[in-house]
């Protein structure tokens, strides 16, 4: 198997984060254009923004939490040259769950669904971590 295939879901996760920054910029620009914010307040207080801006900003913060663990796990499998079909499938599952989570978070922000998507993505990370642990124990 080509071990570098693990980099595709990593790249998609990175592109997701960048696309959220673009969306944040667009929403902030629209909020300014429509006079929905006081620039002096928004400089120091994220809650001074309209909800649609805060949702994106909060999701961007999420992209620097569990996805960091995902990056470490993927790079660990790559360095060890131990990318299996199982690991690759888990990586894609994590990536897809994070895209769905972001979509819900910046859209409807329906918390029960958002939480389930988050929980499933964490379980995928756990499976990846256990798989890495198993590899390390086998030597």
Protein backbone atom coordinates (compact mmCIF):
# COMPACT_ATOMS: atom_id res chain seq x y z
CA UNK A 1 0.00 0.00 0.00
CA UNK A 2 1.17 3.49 -0.66
CA UNK A 3 1.63 5.00 2.77
CA UNK A 4 1.33 8.53 1.44
CA UNK A 5 -2.41 7.95 0.87
CA UNK A 6 -2.85 8.94 4.52
CA UNK A 7 -1.91 12.47 3.51
CA UNK A 8 -5.12 12.93 1.47
CA UNK A 9 -7.46 13.09 4.49
CA UNK A 10 -4.84 15.26 6.23
CA UNK A 11 -4.89 17.64 3.27
CA UNK A 12 -8.70 17.71 3.25
CA UNK A 13 -8.73 18.55 6.97
CA UNK A 14 -6.27 21.39 6.33
CA UNK A 15 -8.40 22.67 3.44
CA UNK A 16 -11.49 22.51 5.66
CA UNK A 17 -9.78 24.79 8.18
CA UNK A 18 -8.67 27.23 5.48
CA UNK A 19 -12.16 27.28 3.96
CA UNK A 20 -13.59 28.14 7.38
CA UNK A 21 -11.22 31.12 7.61
CA UNK A 22 -12.48 32.26 4.20
CA UNK A 23 -16.09 31.84 5.34
CA UNK A 24 -15.32 33.78 8.52
CA UNK A 25 -13.87 36.64 6.48
CA UNK A 26 -16.92 36.73 4.24
CA UNK A 27 -19.34 36.73 7.15
CA UNK A 28 -17.41 39.45 8.96
CA UNK A 29 -17.30 41.59 5.84
CA UNK A 30 -21.05 41.18 5.39
CA UNK A 31 -21.67 42.08 9.03
CA UNK A 32 -19.64 45.28 8.63
CA UNK A 33 -21.33 46.10 5.34
CA UNK A 34 -24.78 45.72 6.92
CA UNK A 35 -23.75 47.77 10.00
CA UNK A 36 -24.44 44.86 12.34
CA UNK A 37 -21.33 45.43 14.46
CA UNK A 38 -19.51 48.14 16.35
CA UNK A 39 -15.87 47.88 15.21
CA UNK A 40 -14.61 49.07 18.60
CA UNK A 41 -16.46 46.29 20.42
CA UNK A 42 -15.53 43.52 17.99
CA UNK A 43 -11.84 44.28 18.41
CA UNK A 44 -11.94 42.90 21.95
CA UNK A 45 -15.15 40.90 22.25
CA UNK A 46 -16.01 38.01 19.96
CA UNK A 47 -19.58 38.01 21.28
CA UNK A 48 -20.10 41.47 19.74
CA UNK A 49 -20.35 39.75 16.36
CA UNK A 50 -23.63 38.38 14.98
CA UNK A 51 -24.33 34.70 15.70
CA UNK A 52 -23.45 33.55 12.17
CA UNK A 53 -19.94 34.98 12.63
CA UNK A 54 -19.52 33.55 16.14
CA UNK A 55 -20.51 30.07 14.92
CA UNK A 56 -17.72 30.07 12.32
CA UNK A 57 -15.20 31.51 14.77
CA UNK A 58 -16.08 28.83 17.33
CA UNK A 59 -15.75 26.11 14.71
CA UNK A 60 -12.32 27.39 13.71
CA UNK A 61 -11.28 27.02 17.35
CA UNK A 62 -12.53 23.42 17.18
CA UNK A 63 -10.22 22.80 14.21
CA UNK A 64 -7.23 23.24 16.54
CA UNK A 65 -8.39 20.69 19.09
CA UNK A 66 -9.06 17.07 18.09
CA UNK A 67 -7.77 17.55 14.51
CA UNK A 68 -4.33 18.17 16.01
CA UNK A 69 -4.46 14.65 17.45
CA UNK A 70 -5.55 13.39 14.04
CA UNK A 71 -2.52 15.01 12.40
CA UNK A 72 -0.16 13.46 14.95
CA UNK A 73 -1.70 10.02 14.48
CA UNK A 74 -1.61 10.20 10.68
CA UNK A 75 1.99 11.38 10.64
CA UNK A 76 2.92 8.63 13.11
CA UNK A 77 1.49 5.95 10.83
CA UNK A 78 3.24 7.56 7.86
CA UNK A 79 6.64 7.74 9.58
CA UNK A 80 6.32 4.13 10.73
CA UNK A 81 5.16 3.15 7.24
CA UNK A 82 2.27 1.27 8.81
CA UNK A 83 -0.70 2.74 6.97
CA UNK A 84 -3.19 -0.10 6.61
CA UNK A 85 -6.55 -0.08 4.88
CA UNK A 86 -8.14 0.08 8.33
CA UNK A 87 -6.11 3.13 9.34
CA UNK A 88 -6.75 4.82 6.01
CA UNK A 89 -10.49 4.14 6.34
CA UNK A 90 -10.49 5.56 9.86
CA UNK A 91 -8.65 8.66 8.66
CA UNK A 92 -11.24 9.25 5.95
CA UNK A 93 -14.06 8.65 8.44
CA UNK A 94 -12.58 11.24 10.79
CA UNK A 95 -12.21 13.72 7.96
CA UNK A 96 -15.78 13.22 6.74
CA UNK A 97 -17.16 13.49 10.28
CA UNK A 98 -15.26 16.76 10.78
CA UNK A 99 -16.66 18.18 7.54
CA UNK A 100 -20.18 17.24 8.65
CA UNK A 101 -19.52 18.68 12.11
CA UNK A 102 -18.34 21.96 10.60
CA UNK A 103 -21.35 22.09 8.27
CA UNK A 104 -23.77 21.67 11.18
CA UNK A 105 -21.79 24.04 13.44
CA UNK A 106 -21.69 26.96 11.00
CA UNK A 107 -25.22 26.28 9.74
CA UNK A 108 -28.11 25.15 11.91
CA UNK A 109 -25.83 24.59 14.92
CA UNK A 110 -28.20 21.88 16.10
CA UNK A 111 -26.27 20.80 19.19
CA UNK A 112 -27.53 17.19 19.56
CA UNK A 113 -26.44 16.36 15.99
CA UNK A 114 -23.24 18.36 16.31
CA UNK A 115 -22.38 16.50 19.52
CA UNK A 116 -23.02 13.09 17.95
CA UNK A 117 -20.75 13.94 15.03
CA UNK A 118 -18.08 15.13 17.46
CA UNK A 119 -18.43 12.01 19.60
CA UNK A 120 -18.15 9.68 16.60
CA UNK A 121 -15.05 11.55 15.40
CA UNK A 122 -13.46 11.13 18.84
CA UNK A 123 -14.27 7.41 18.77
CA UNK A 124 -12.54 7.20 15.37
CA UNK A 125 -9.49 8.92 16.88
CA UNK A 126 -9.57 6.45 19.74
CA UNK A 127 -9.61 3.56 17.27
CA UNK A 128 -6.65 5.09 15.44
CA UNK A 129 -4.77 5.59 18.71
CA UNK A 130 -5.46 2.00 19.80
CA UNK A 131 -4.26 0.78 16.41
CA UNK A 132 -1.06 2.76 16.80
CA UNK A 133 -0.62 1.42 20.33
CA UNK A 134 -1.04 -2.11 19.05
CA UNK A 135 1.62 -1.52 16.41
CA UNK A 136 4.01 -0.14 19.00
CA UNK A 137 3.46 -3.08 21.33
CA UNK A 138 4.21 -5.53 18.51
CA UNK A 139 7.44 -3.67 17.85
